[in-house]
PDB file of all heavy atoms in Angstrom:
ATOM      1  N   ALA A   1       5.223  -5.077  -7.073  1.00  0.00           N
ATOM      2  CA  ALA A   1       5.368  -5.327  -5.692  1.00  0.00           C
ATOM      3  C   ALA A   1       4.658  -4.247  -4.868  1.00  0.00           C
ATOM      4  O   ALA A   1       4.662  -3.109  -5.268  1.00  0.00           O
ATOM      5  CB  ALA A   1       6.856  -5.355  -5.293  1.00  0.00           C
ATOM      6  N   PHE A   2       4.035  -4.637  -3.788  1.00  0.00           N
ATOM      7  CA  PHE A   2       3.330  -3.659  -2.932  1.00  0.00           C
ATOM      8  C   PHE A   2       4.364  -2.915  -2.109  1.00  0.00           C
ATOM      9  O   PHE A   2       4.194  -1.760  -1.849  1.00  0.00           O
ATOM     10  CB  PHE A   2       2.420  -4.416  -1.962  1.00  0.00           C
ATOM     11  CG  PHE A   2       1.653  -3.537  -1.047  1.00  0.00           C
ATOM     12  CD1 PHE A   2       0.513  -2.830  -1.487  1.00  0.00           C
ATOM     13  CD2 PHE A   2       2.041  -3.363   0.292  1.00  0.00           C
ATOM     14  CE1 PHE A   2      -0.170  -2.016  -0.592  1.00  0.00           C
ATOM     15  CE2 PHE A   2       1.371  -2.603   1.158  1.00  0.00           C
ATOM     16  CZ  PHE A   2       0.257  -1.855   0.675  1.00  0.00           C
ATOM     17  N   GLN A   3       5.465  -3.606  -1.736  1.00  0.00           N
ATOM     18  CA  GLN A   3       6.501  -2.971  -0.913  1.00  0.00           C
ATOM     19  C   GLN A   3       7.784  -3.782  -0.979  1.00  0.00           C
ATOM     20  O   GLN A   3       7.782  -4.919  -1.430  1.00  0.00           O
ATOM     21  CB  GLN A   3       5.974  -2.810   0.532  1.00  0.00           C
ATOM     22  CG  GLN A   3       6.868  -2.028   1.460  1.00  0.00           C
ATOM     23  CD  GLN A   3       7.070  -0.616   0.969  1.00  0.00           C
ATOM     24  OE1 GLN A   3       7.910  -0.393   0.066  1.00  0.00           O
ATOM     25  NE2 GLN A   3       6.342   0.332   1.462  1.00  0.00           N
ATOM     26  N   TYR A   4       8.879  -3.162  -0.521  1.00  0.00           N
ATOM     27  CA  TYR A   4      10.171  -3.835  -0.437  1.00  0.00           C
ATOM     28  C   TYR A   4      10.701  -3.659   0.949  1.00  0.00           C
ATOM     29  O   TYR A   4      10.578  -2.553   1.573  1.00  0.00           O
ATOM     30  CB  TYR A   4      11.165  -3.204  -1.413  1.00  0.00           C
ATOM     31  CG  TYR A   4      10.753  -3.281  -2.871  1.00  0.00           C
ATOM     32  CD1 TYR A   4      10.024  -2.251  -3.448  1.00  0.00           C
ATOM     33  CD2 TYR A   4      11.138  -4.367  -3.682  1.00  0.00           C
ATOM     34  CE1 TYR A   4       9.634  -2.315  -4.762  1.00  0.00           C
ATOM     35  CE2 TYR A   4      10.772  -4.424  -4.976  1.00  0.00           C
ATOM     36  CZ  TYR A   4      10.024  -3.416  -5.537  1.00  0.00           C
ATOM     37  OH  TYR A   4       9.645  -3.437  -6.856  1.00  0.00           O
ATOM     38  N   LEU A   5      11.273  -4.713   1.532  1.00  0.00           N
ATOM     39  CA  LEU A   5      11.868  -4.594   2.860  1.00  0.00           C
ATOM     40  C   LEU A   5      13.260  -5.216   2.806  1.00  0.00           C
ATOM     41  O   LEU A   5      13.563  -6.171   2.103  1.00  0.00           O
ATOM     42  CB  LEU A   5      11.018  -5.507   3.848  1.00  0.00           C
ATOM     43  CG  LEU A   5       9.651  -5.014   4.201  1.00  0.00           C
ATOM     44  CD1 LEU A   5       8.978  -5.973   5.171  1.00  0.00           C
ATOM     45  CD2 LEU A   5       9.738  -3.610   4.922  1.00  0.00           C
ATOM     46  N   LEU A   6      14.180  -4.541   3.563  1.00  0.00           N
ATOM     47  CA  LEU A   6      15.546  -4.991   3.606  1.00  0.00           C
ATOM     48  C   LEU A   6      15.755  -5.958   4.814  1.00  0.00           C
ATOM     49  O   LEU A   6      15.271  -5.693   5.919  1.00  0.00           O
ATOM     50  CB  LEU A   6      16.463  -3.770   3.781  1.00  0.00           C
ATOM     51  CG  LEU A   6      16.625  -2.884   2.531  1.00  0.00           C
ATOM     52  CD1 LEU A   6      17.394  -1.661   2.874  1.00  0.00           C
ATOM     53  CD2 LEU A   6      17.308  -3.663   1.395  1.00  0.00           C
ATOM     54  N   LYS A   7      16.550  -6.992   4.546  1.00  0.00           N
ATOM     55  CA  LYS A   7      16.979  -7.925   5.611  1.00  0.00           C
ATOM     56  C   LYS A   7      18.147  -7.344   6.365  1.00  0.00           C
ATOM     57  O   LYS A   7      18.921  -6.619   5.803  1.00  0.00           O
ATOM     58  CB  LYS A   7      17.339  -9.249   5.003  1.00  0.00           C
ATOM     59  CG  LYS A   7      16.165 -10.161   4.644  1.00  0.00           C
ATOM     60  CD  LYS A   7      16.663 -11.547   4.197  1.00  0.00           C
ATOM     61  CE  LYS A   7      15.582 -12.520   4.106  1.00  0.00           C
ATOM     62  NZ  LYS A   7      16.102 -13.884   3.771  1.00  0.00           N
ATOM     63  N   PRO A   8      18.313  -7.661   7.620  1.00  0.00           N
ATOM     64  CA  PRO A   8      17.385  -8.485   8.453  1.00  0.00           C
ATOM     65  C   PRO A   8      16.124  -7.629   8.782  1.00  0.00           C
ATOM     66  O   PRO A   8      16.230  -6.407   9.063  1.00  0.00           O
ATOM     67  CB  PRO A   8      18.243  -8.740   9.724  1.00  0.00           C
ATOM     68  CG  PRO A   8      19.182  -7.591   9.793  1.00  0.00           C
ATOM     69  CD  PRO A   8      19.538  -7.263   8.352  1.00  0.00           C
ATOM     70  N   LEU A   9      15.007  -8.288   8.732  1.00  0.00           N
ATOM     71  CA  LEU A   9      13.726  -7.577   8.950  1.00  0.00           C
ATOM     72  C   LEU A   9      13.588  -7.088  10.398  1.00  0.00           C
ATOM     73  O   LEU A   9      14.013  -7.756  11.368  1.00  0.00           O
ATOM     74  CB  LEU A   9      12.509  -8.468   8.698  1.00  0.00           C
ATOM     75  CG  LEU A   9      12.364  -8.921   7.211  1.00  0.00           C
ATOM     76  CD1 LEU A   9      11.025  -9.665   7.053  1.00  0.00           C
ATOM     77  CD2 LEU A   9      12.426  -7.764   6.311  1.00  0.00           C
ATOM     78  N   LYS A  10      13.125  -5.877  10.539  1.00  0.00           N
ATOM     79  CA  LYS A  10      12.865  -5.308  11.849  1.00  0.00           C
ATOM     80  C   LYS A  10      11.372  -5.349  12.111  1.00  0.00           C
ATOM     81  O   LYS A  10      10.563  -5.098  11.213  1.00  0.00           O
ATOM     82  CB  LYS A  10      13.414  -3.922  11.914  1.00  0.00           C
ATOM     83  CG  LYS A  10      14.922  -3.810  11.790  1.00  0.00           C
ATOM     84  CD  LYS A  10      15.394  -2.363  11.900  1.00  0.00           C
ATOM     85  CE  LYS A  10      16.934  -2.281  11.772  1.00  0.00           C
ATOM     86  NZ  LYS A  10      17.413  -0.927  11.845  1.00  0.00           N
ATOM     87  N   GLU A  11      10.985  -5.595  13.348  1.00  0.00           N
ATOM     88  CA  GLU A  11       9.551  -5.671  13.676  1.00  0.00           C
ATOM     89  C   GLU A  11       8.798  -4.446  13.338  1.00  0.00           C
ATOM     90  O   GLU A  11       7.699  -4.489  12.841  1.00  0.00           O
ATOM     91  CB  GLU A  11       9.417  -6.006  15.171  1.00  0.00           C
ATOM     92  CG  GLU A  11       7.956  -6.270  15.513  1.00  0.00           C
ATOM     93  CD  GLU A  11       7.835  -6.805  17.017  1.00  0.00           C
ATOM     94  OE1 GLU A  11       8.812  -7.307  17.536  1.00  0.00           O
ATOM     95  OE2 GLU A  11       6.742  -6.646  17.578  1.00  0.00           O
ATOM     96  N   ALA A  12       9.443  -3.271  13.592  1.00  0.00           N
ATOM     97  CA  ALA A  12       8.766  -2.024  13.263  1.00  0.00           C
ATOM     98  C   ALA A  12       8.472  -1.879  11.787  1.00  0.00           C
ATOM     99  O   ALA A  12       7.357  -1.382  11.429  1.00  0.00           O
ATOM    100  CB  ALA A  12       9.638  -0.834  13.728  1.00  0.00           C
ATOM    101  N   ALA A  13       9.382  -2.334  10.927  1.00  0.00           N
ATOM    102  CA  ALA A  13       9.178  -2.265   9.486  1.00  0.00           C
ATOM    103  C   ALA A  13       8.082  -3.207   9.040  1.00  0.00           C
ATOM    104  O   ALA A  13       7.233  -2.853   8.187  1.00  0.00           O
ATOM    105  CB  ALA A  13      10.514  -2.596   8.731  1.00  0.00           C
ATOM    106  N   VAL A  14       8.016  -4.409   9.578  1.00  0.00           N
ATOM    107  CA  VAL A  14       6.953  -5.386   9.246  1.00  0.00           C
ATOM    108  C   VAL A  14       5.642  -4.826   9.682  1.00  0.00           C
ATOM    109  O   VAL A  14       4.631  -4.930   8.969  1.00  0.00           O
ATOM    110  CB  VAL A  14       7.265  -6.705   9.892  1.00  0.00           C
ATOM    111  CG1 VAL A  14       6.079  -7.670   9.687  1.00  0.00           C
ATOM    112  CG2 VAL A  14       8.507  -7.355   9.289  1.00  0.00           C
ATOM    113  N   CYS A  15       5.561  -4.246  10.919  1.00  0.00           N
ATOM    114  CA  CYS A  15       4.313  -3.710  11.397  1.00  0.00           C
ATOM    115  C   CYS A  15       3.845  -2.521  10.502  1.00  0.00           C
ATOM    116  O   CYS A  15       2.637  -2.394  10.237  1.00  0.00           O
ATOM    117  CB  CYS A  15       4.492  -3.228  12.851  1.00  0.00           C
ATOM    118  SG  CYS A  15       4.651  -4.532  14.037  1.00  0.00           S
ATOM    119  N   GLN A  16       4.756  -1.736  10.026  1.00  0.00           N
ATOM    120  CA  GLN A  16       4.384  -0.600   9.179  1.00  0.00           C
ATOM    121  C   GLN A  16       3.800  -1.107   7.852  1.00  0.00           C
ATOM    122  O   GLN A  16       2.794  -0.576   7.350  1.00  0.00           O
ATOM    123  CB  GLN A  16       5.621   0.277   8.874  1.00  0.00           C
ATOM    124  CG  GLN A  16       5.257   1.559   8.085  1.00  0.00           C
ATOM    125  CD  GLN A  16       4.243   2.411   8.755  1.00  0.00           C
ATOM    126  OE1 GLN A  16       4.467   2.891   9.896  1.00  0.00           O
ATOM    127  NE2 GLN A  16       3.094   2.647   8.124  1.00  0.00           N
ATOM    128  N   VAL A  17       4.408  -2.169   7.316  1.00  0.00           N
ATOM    129  CA  VAL A  17       3.910  -2.733   6.060  1.00  0.00           C
ATOM    130  C   VAL A  17       2.512  -3.308   6.287  1.00  0.00           C
ATOM    131  O   VAL A  17       1.616  -3.196   5.458  1.00  0.00           O
ATOM    132  CB  VAL A  17       4.825  -3.842   5.517  1.00  0.00           C
ATOM    133  CG1 VAL A  17       4.182  -4.679   4.447  1.00  0.00           C
ATOM    134  CG2 VAL A  17       6.086  -3.218   4.951  1.00  0.00           C
ATOM    135  N   MET A  18       2.282  -3.961   7.457  1.00  0.00           N
ATOM    136  CA  MET A  18       0.999  -4.522   7.757  1.00  0.00           C
ATOM    137  C   MET A  18      -0.066  -3.398   7.898  1.00  0.00           C
ATOM    138  O   MET A  18      -1.162  -3.531   7.417  1.00  0.00           O
ATOM    139  CB  MET A  18       1.087  -5.357   9.032  1.00  0.00           C
ATOM    140  CG  MET A  18       1.927  -6.613   8.963  1.00  0.00           C
ATOM    141  SD  MET A  18       1.415  -7.688   7.567  1.00  0.00           S
ATOM    142  CE  MET A  18      -0.243  -8.122   8.120  1.00  0.00           C
ATOM    143  N   GLU A  19       0.298  -2.314   8.506  1.00  0.00           N
ATOM    144  CA  GLU A  19      -0.556  -1.157   8.601  1.00  0.00           C
ATOM    145  C   GLU A  19      -0.916  -0.675   7.203  1.00  0.00           C
ATOM    146  O   GLU A  19      -2.120  -0.458   6.904  1.00  0.00           O
ATOM    147  CB  GLU A  19       0.107  -0.006   9.389  1.00  0.00           C
ATOM    148  CG  GLU A  19       0.371  -0.343  10.836  1.00  0.00           C
ATOM    149  CD  GLU A  19      -0.847  -0.132  11.724  1.00  0.00           C
ATOM    150  OE1 GLU A  19      -1.884   0.291  11.182  1.00  0.00           O
ATOM    151  OE2 GLU A  19      -0.742  -0.389  12.948  1.00  0.00           O
ATOM    152  N   ASP A  20       0.097  -0.477   6.325  1.00  0.00           N
ATOM    153  CA  ASP A  20      -0.167  -0.027   4.991  1.00  0.00           C
ATOM    154  C   ASP A  20      -1.031  -1.019   4.203  1.00  0.00           C
ATOM    155  O   ASP A  20      -1.925  -0.607   3.456  1.00  0.00           O
ATOM    156  CB  ASP A  20       1.133   0.169   4.249  1.00  0.00           C
ATOM    157  CG  ASP A  20       2.011   1.316   4.782  1.00  0.00           C
ATOM    158  OD1 ASP A  20       1.424   2.157   5.503  1.00  0.00           O
ATOM    159  OD2 ASP A  20       3.206   1.379   4.475  1.00  0.00           O
ATOM    160  N   LEU A  21      -0.747  -2.262   4.406  1.00  0.00           N
ATOM    161  CA  LEU A  21      -1.456  -3.342   3.675  1.00  0.00           C
ATOM    162  C   LEU A  21      -2.994  -3.301   4.041  1.00  0.00           C
ATOM    163  O   LEU A  21      -3.827  -3.343   3.170  1.00  0.00           O
ATOM    164  CB  LEU A  21      -0.875  -4.701   3.996  1.00  0.00           C
ATOM    165  CG  LEU A  21      -1.589  -5.907   3.381  1.00  0.00           C
ATOM    166  CD1 LEU A  21      -1.533  -5.849   1.853  1.00  0.00           C
ATOM    167  CD2 LEU A  21      -1.000  -7.183   3.930  1.00  0.00           C
ATOM    168  N   PHE A  22      -3.250  -3.260   5.370  1.00  0.00           N
ATOM    169  CA  PHE A  22      -4.662  -3.278   5.755  1.00  0.00           C
ATOM    170  C   PHE A  22      -5.374  -1.986   5.392  1.00  0.00           C
ATOM    171  O   PHE A  22      -6.589  -2.043   5.057  1.00  0.00           O
ATOM    172  CB  PHE A  22      -4.746  -3.555   7.281  1.00  0.00           C
ATOM    173  CG  PHE A  22      -4.722  -5.030   7.592  1.00  0.00           C
ATOM    174  CD1 PHE A  22      -3.609  -5.828   7.340  1.00  0.00           C
ATOM    175  CD2 PHE A  22      -5.855  -5.644   8.104  1.00  0.00           C
ATOM    176  CE1 PHE A  22      -3.586  -7.129   7.627  1.00  0.00           C
ATOM    177  CE2 PHE A  22      -5.860  -7.002   8.340  1.00  0.00           C
ATOM    178  CZ  PHE A  22      -4.746  -7.787   8.124  1.00  0.00           C
ATOM    179  N   LEU A  23      -4.680  -0.875   5.420  1.00  0.00           N
ATOM    180  CA  LEU A  23      -5.299   0.395   4.966  1.00  0.00           C
ATOM    181  C   LEU A  23      -5.675   0.225   3.487  1.00  0.00           C
ATOM    182  O   LEU A  23      -6.708   0.684   3.048  1.00  0.00           O
ATOM    183  CB  LEU A  23      -4.348   1.546   5.185  1.00  0.00           C
ATOM    184  CG  LEU A  23      -4.223   2.087   6.605  1.00  0.00           C
ATOM    185  CD1 LEU A  23      -3.156   3.123   6.699  1.00  0.00           C
ATOM    186  CD2 LEU A  23      -5.572   2.672   7.085  1.00  0.00           C
ATOM    187  N   TYR A  24      -4.769  -0.398   2.742  1.00  0.00           N
ATOM    188  CA  TYR A  24      -5.001  -0.573   1.284  1.00  0.00           C
ATOM    189  C   TYR A  24      -6.175  -1.521   1.057  1.00  0.00           C
ATOM    190  O   TYR A  24      -7.047  -1.275   0.235  1.00  0.00           O
ATOM    191  CB  TYR A  24      -3.737  -1.090   0.668  1.00  0.00           C
ATOM    192  CG  TYR A  24      -3.890  -1.266  -0.889  1.00  0.00           C
ATOM    193  CD1 TYR A  24      -3.612  -0.260  -1.764  1.00  0.00           C
ATOM    194  CD2 TYR A  24      -4.371  -2.491  -1.476  1.00  0.00           C
ATOM    195  CE1 TYR A  24      -3.770  -0.368  -3.120  1.00  0.00           C
ATOM    196  CE2 TYR A  24      -4.498  -2.622  -2.785  1.00  0.00           C
ATOM    197  CZ  TYR A  24      -4.236  -1.603  -3.648  1.00  0.00           C
ATOM    198  OH  TYR A  24      -4.409  -1.743  -4.995  1.00  0.00           O
ATOM    199  N   LEU A  25      -6.182  -2.647   1.785  1.00  0.00           N
ATOM    200  CA  LEU A  25      -7.257  -3.646   1.540  1.00  0.00           C
ATOM    201  C   LEU A  25      -8.636  -3.154   1.952  1.00  0.00           C
ATOM    202  O   LEU A  25      -9.659  -3.586   1.431  1.00  0.00           O
ATOM    203  CB  LEU A  25      -6.890  -4.940   2.368  1.00  0.00           C
ATOM    204  CG  LEU A  25      -5.691  -5.660   1.882  1.00  0.00           C
ATOM    205  CD1 LEU A  25      -5.403  -6.842   2.881  1.00  0.00           C
ATOM    206  CD2 LEU A  25      -5.882  -6.226   0.470  1.00  0.00           C
ATOM    207  N   GLU A  26      -8.679  -2.171   2.844  1.00  0.00           N
ATOM    208  CA  GLU A  26      -9.983  -1.772   3.376  1.00  0.00           C
ATOM    209  C   GLU A  26     -10.434  -0.452   2.814  1.00  0.00           C
ATOM    210  O   GLU A  26     -11.420   0.167   3.303  1.00  0.00           O
ATOM    211  CB  GLU A  26      -9.849  -1.643   4.912  1.00  0.00           C
ATOM    212  CG  GLU A  26      -9.672  -2.989   5.553  1.00  0.00           C
ATOM    213  CD  GLU A  26      -9.396  -2.909   7.046  1.00  0.00           C
ATOM    214  OE1 GLU A  26      -9.483  -1.772   7.624  1.00  0.00           O
ATOM    215  OE2 GLU A  26      -9.110  -3.932   7.712  1.00  0.00           O
ATOM    216  N   LYS A  27      -9.769   0.019   1.749  1.00  0.00           N
ATOM    217  CA  LYS A  27     -10.210   1.290   1.104  1.00  0.00           C
ATOM    218  C   LYS A  27     -10.206   1.094  -0.403  1.00  0.00           C
ATOM    219  O   LYS A  27      -9.702   0.068  -0.885  1.00  0.00           O
ATOM    220  CB  LYS A  27      -9.285   2.424   1.522  1.00  0.00           C
ATOM    221  CG  LYS A  27      -7.873   2.287   0.983  1.00  0.00           C
ATOM    222  CD  LYS A  27      -6.961   3.406   1.557  1.00  0.00           C
ATOM    223  CE  LYS A  27      -7.325   4.760   1.053  1.00  0.00           C
ATOM    224  NZ  LYS A  27      -6.286   5.767   1.512  1.00  0.00           N
ATOM    225  N   PRO A  28     -10.796   1.994  -1.155  1.00  0.00           N
ATOM    226  CA  PRO A  28     -10.752   1.847  -2.635  1.00  0.00           C
ATOM    227  C   PRO A  28      -9.316   1.629  -3.152  1.00  0.00           C
ATOM    228  O   PRO A  28      -8.358   2.159  -2.630  1.00  0.00           O
ATOM    229  CB  PRO A  28     -11.262   3.228  -3.114  1.00  0.00           C
ATOM    230  CG  PRO A  28     -12.189   3.684  -2.010  1.00  0.00           C
ATOM    231  CD  PRO A  28     -11.489   3.227  -0.729  1.00  0.00           C
ATOM    232  N   LYS A  29      -9.208   0.765  -4.181  1.00  0.00           N
ATOM    233  CA  LYS A  29      -7.926   0.279  -4.562  1.00  0.00           C
ATOM    234  C   LYS A  29      -7.036   1.391  -5.234  1.00  0.00           C
ATOM    235  O   LYS A  29      -5.825   1.272  -5.161  1.00  0.00           O
ATOM    236  CB  LYS A  29      -8.110  -0.841  -5.653  1.00  0.00           C
ATOM    237  CG  LYS A  29      -8.874  -2.013  -5.075  1.00  0.00           C
ATOM    238  CD  LYS A  29      -8.262  -2.619  -3.836  1.00  0.00           C
ATOM    239  CE  LYS A  29      -9.029  -3.807  -3.335  1.00  0.00           C
ATOM    240  NZ  LYS A  29      -8.540  -4.241  -2.036  1.00  0.00           N
ATOM    241  N   ALA A  30      -7.610   2.335  -5.837  1.00  0.00           N
ATOM    242  CA  ALA A  30      -6.763   3.425  -6.426  1.00  0.00           C
ATOM    243  C   ALA A  30      -7.634   4.677  -6.582  1.00  0.00           C
ATOM    244  O   ALA A  30      -8.858   4.607  -6.574  1.00  0.00           O
ATOM    245  CB  ALA A  30      -6.288   2.990  -7.820  1.00  0.00           C
ATOM    246  N   GLU A  31      -6.965   5.742  -6.695  1.00  0.00           N
ATOM    247  CA  GLU A  31      -7.640   7.031  -6.922  1.00  0.00           C
ATOM    248  C   GLU A  31      -8.335   6.975  -8.306  1.00  0.00           C
ATOM    249  O   GLU A  31      -7.706   6.507  -9.287  1.00  0.00           O
ATOM    250  CB  GLU A  31      -6.643   8.185  -6.927  1.00  0.00           C
ATOM    251  CG  GLU A  31      -7.253   9.547  -6.956  1.00  0.00           C
ATOM    252  CD  GLU A  31      -7.849   9.950  -5.652  1.00  0.00           C
ATOM    253  OE1 GLU A  31      -7.463   9.413  -4.612  1.00  0.00           O
ATOM    254  OE2 GLU A  31      -8.714  10.830  -5.664  1.00  0.00           O
ATOM    255  N   VAL A  32      -9.587   7.357  -8.315  1.00  0.00           N
ATOM    256  CA  VAL A  32     -10.274   7.385  -9.601  1.00  0.00           C
ATOM    257  C   VAL A  32     -10.405   8.824 -10.099  1.00  0.00           C
ATOM    258  O   VAL A  32     -10.899   9.725  -9.337  1.00  0.00           O
ATOM    259  CB  VAL A  32     -11.704   6.751  -9.446  1.00  0.00           C
ATOM    260  CG1 VAL A  32     -12.491   6.861 -10.721  1.00  0.00           C
ATOM    261  CG2 VAL A  32     -11.565   5.303  -9.003  1.00  0.00           C
ATOM    262  N   LEU A  33      -9.990   9.075 -11.342  1.00  0.00           N
ATOM    263  CA  LEU A  33     -10.026  10.439 -11.906  1.00  0.00           C
ATOM    264  C   LEU A  33     -10.944  10.402 -13.114  1.00  0.00           C
ATOM    265  O   LEU A  33     -11.141   9.364 -13.821  1.00  0.00           O
ATOM    266  CB  LEU A  33      -8.615  10.857 -12.354  1.00  0.00           C
ATOM    267  CG  LEU A  33      -7.541  10.944 -11.248  1.00  0.00           C
ATOM    268  CD1 LEU A  33      -6.263  11.364 -11.828  1.00  0.00           C
ATOM    269  CD2 LEU A  33      -8.018  11.890 -10.136  1.00  0.00           C
ATOM    270  N   ASP A  34     -11.495  11.551 -13.393  1.00  0.00           N
ATOM    271  CA  ASP A  34     -12.377  11.653 -14.581  1.00  0.00           C
ATOM    272  C   ASP A  34     -11.658  12.389 -15.693  1.00  0.00           C
ATOM    273  O   ASP A  34     -10.849  13.314 -15.473  1.00  0.00           O
ATOM    274  CB  ASP A  34     -13.715  12.373 -14.249  1.00  0.00           C
ATOM    275  CG  ASP A  34     -13.416  13.795 -13.755  1.00  0.00           C
ATOM    276  OD1 ASP A  34     -13.107  13.984 -12.524  1.00  0.00           O
ATOM    277  OD2 ASP A  34     -13.510  14.746 -14.510  1.00  0.00           O
ATOM    278  N   PHE A  35     -11.947  11.986 -16.991  1.00  0.00           N
ATOM    279  CA  PHE A  35     -11.313  12.537 -18.127  1.00  0.00           C
ATOM    280  C   PHE A  35     -12.399  12.881 -19.153  1.00  0.00           C
ATOM    281  O   PHE A  35     -13.243  12.019 -19.426  1.00  0.00           O
ATOM    282  CB  PHE A  35     -10.310  11.586 -18.709  1.00  0.00           C
ATOM    283  CG  PHE A  35      -9.133  11.206 -17.777  1.00  0.00           C
ATOM    284  CD1 PHE A  35      -9.296  10.165 -16.958  1.00  0.00           C
ATOM    285  CD2 PHE A  35      -8.030  11.976 -17.809  1.00  0.00           C
ATOM    286  CE1 PHE A  35      -8.253   9.828 -16.096  1.00  0.00           C
ATOM    287  CE2 PHE A  35      -6.956  11.659 -16.941  1.00  0.00           C
ATOM    288  CZ  PHE A  35      -7.097  10.555 -16.062  1.00  0.00           C
ATOM    289  N   GLN A  36     -12.294  14.051 -19.703  1.00  0.00           N
ATOM    290  CA  GLN A  36     -13.263  14.493 -20.781  1.00  0.00           C
ATOM    291  C   GLN A  36     -12.721  14.045 -22.095  1.00  0.00           C
ATOM    292  O   GLN A  36     -11.787  14.590 -22.670  1.00  0.00           O
ATOM    293  CB  GLN A  36     -13.458  15.993 -20.790  1.00  0.00           C
ATOM    294  CG  GLN A  36     -14.415  16.504 -21.858  1.00  0.00           C
ATOM    295  CD  GLN A  36     -15.838  16.028 -21.618  1.00  0.00           C
ATOM    296  OE1 GLN A  36     -16.398  16.276 -20.521  1.00  0.00           O
ATOM    297  NE2 GLN A  36     -16.412  15.310 -22.581  1.00  0.00           N
ATOM    298  N   THR A  37     -13.226  12.894 -22.599  1.00  0.00           N
ATOM    299  CA  THR A  37     -12.707  12.336 -23.821  1.00  0.00           C
ATOM    300  C   THR A  37     -13.635  12.563 -24.996  1.00  0.00           C
ATOM    301  O   THR A  37     -14.766  13.109 -24.789  1.00  0.00           O
ATOM    302  CB  THR A  37     -12.515  10.779 -23.689  1.00  0.00           C
ATOM    303  OG1 THR A  37     -13.821  10.156 -23.691  1.00  0.00           O
ATOM    304  CG2 THR A  37     -11.819  10.450 -22.399  1.00  0.00           C
ATOM    305  N   SER A  38     -13.325  12.103 -26.148  1.00  0.00           N
ATOM    306  CA  SER A  38     -14.160  12.269 -27.349  1.00  0.00           C
ATOM    307  C   SER A  38     -15.432  11.445 -27.203  1.00  0.00           C
ATOM    308  O   SER A  38     -16.401  11.672 -27.934  1.00  0.00           O
ATOM    309  CB  SER A  38     -13.395  11.824 -28.663  1.00  0.00           C
ATOM    310  OG  SER A  38     -12.943  10.491 -28.518  1.00  0.00           O
TER     311      SER A  38
END
């Protein structure tokens, strides 16, 4: 799950999830790290 919300939903909580969601959709999906392997 991307997020969890408790009922009854509050507008501020939904707006915050939407902010987080759009930030996620518009940026690289995950931090990329380098590893020195064999």
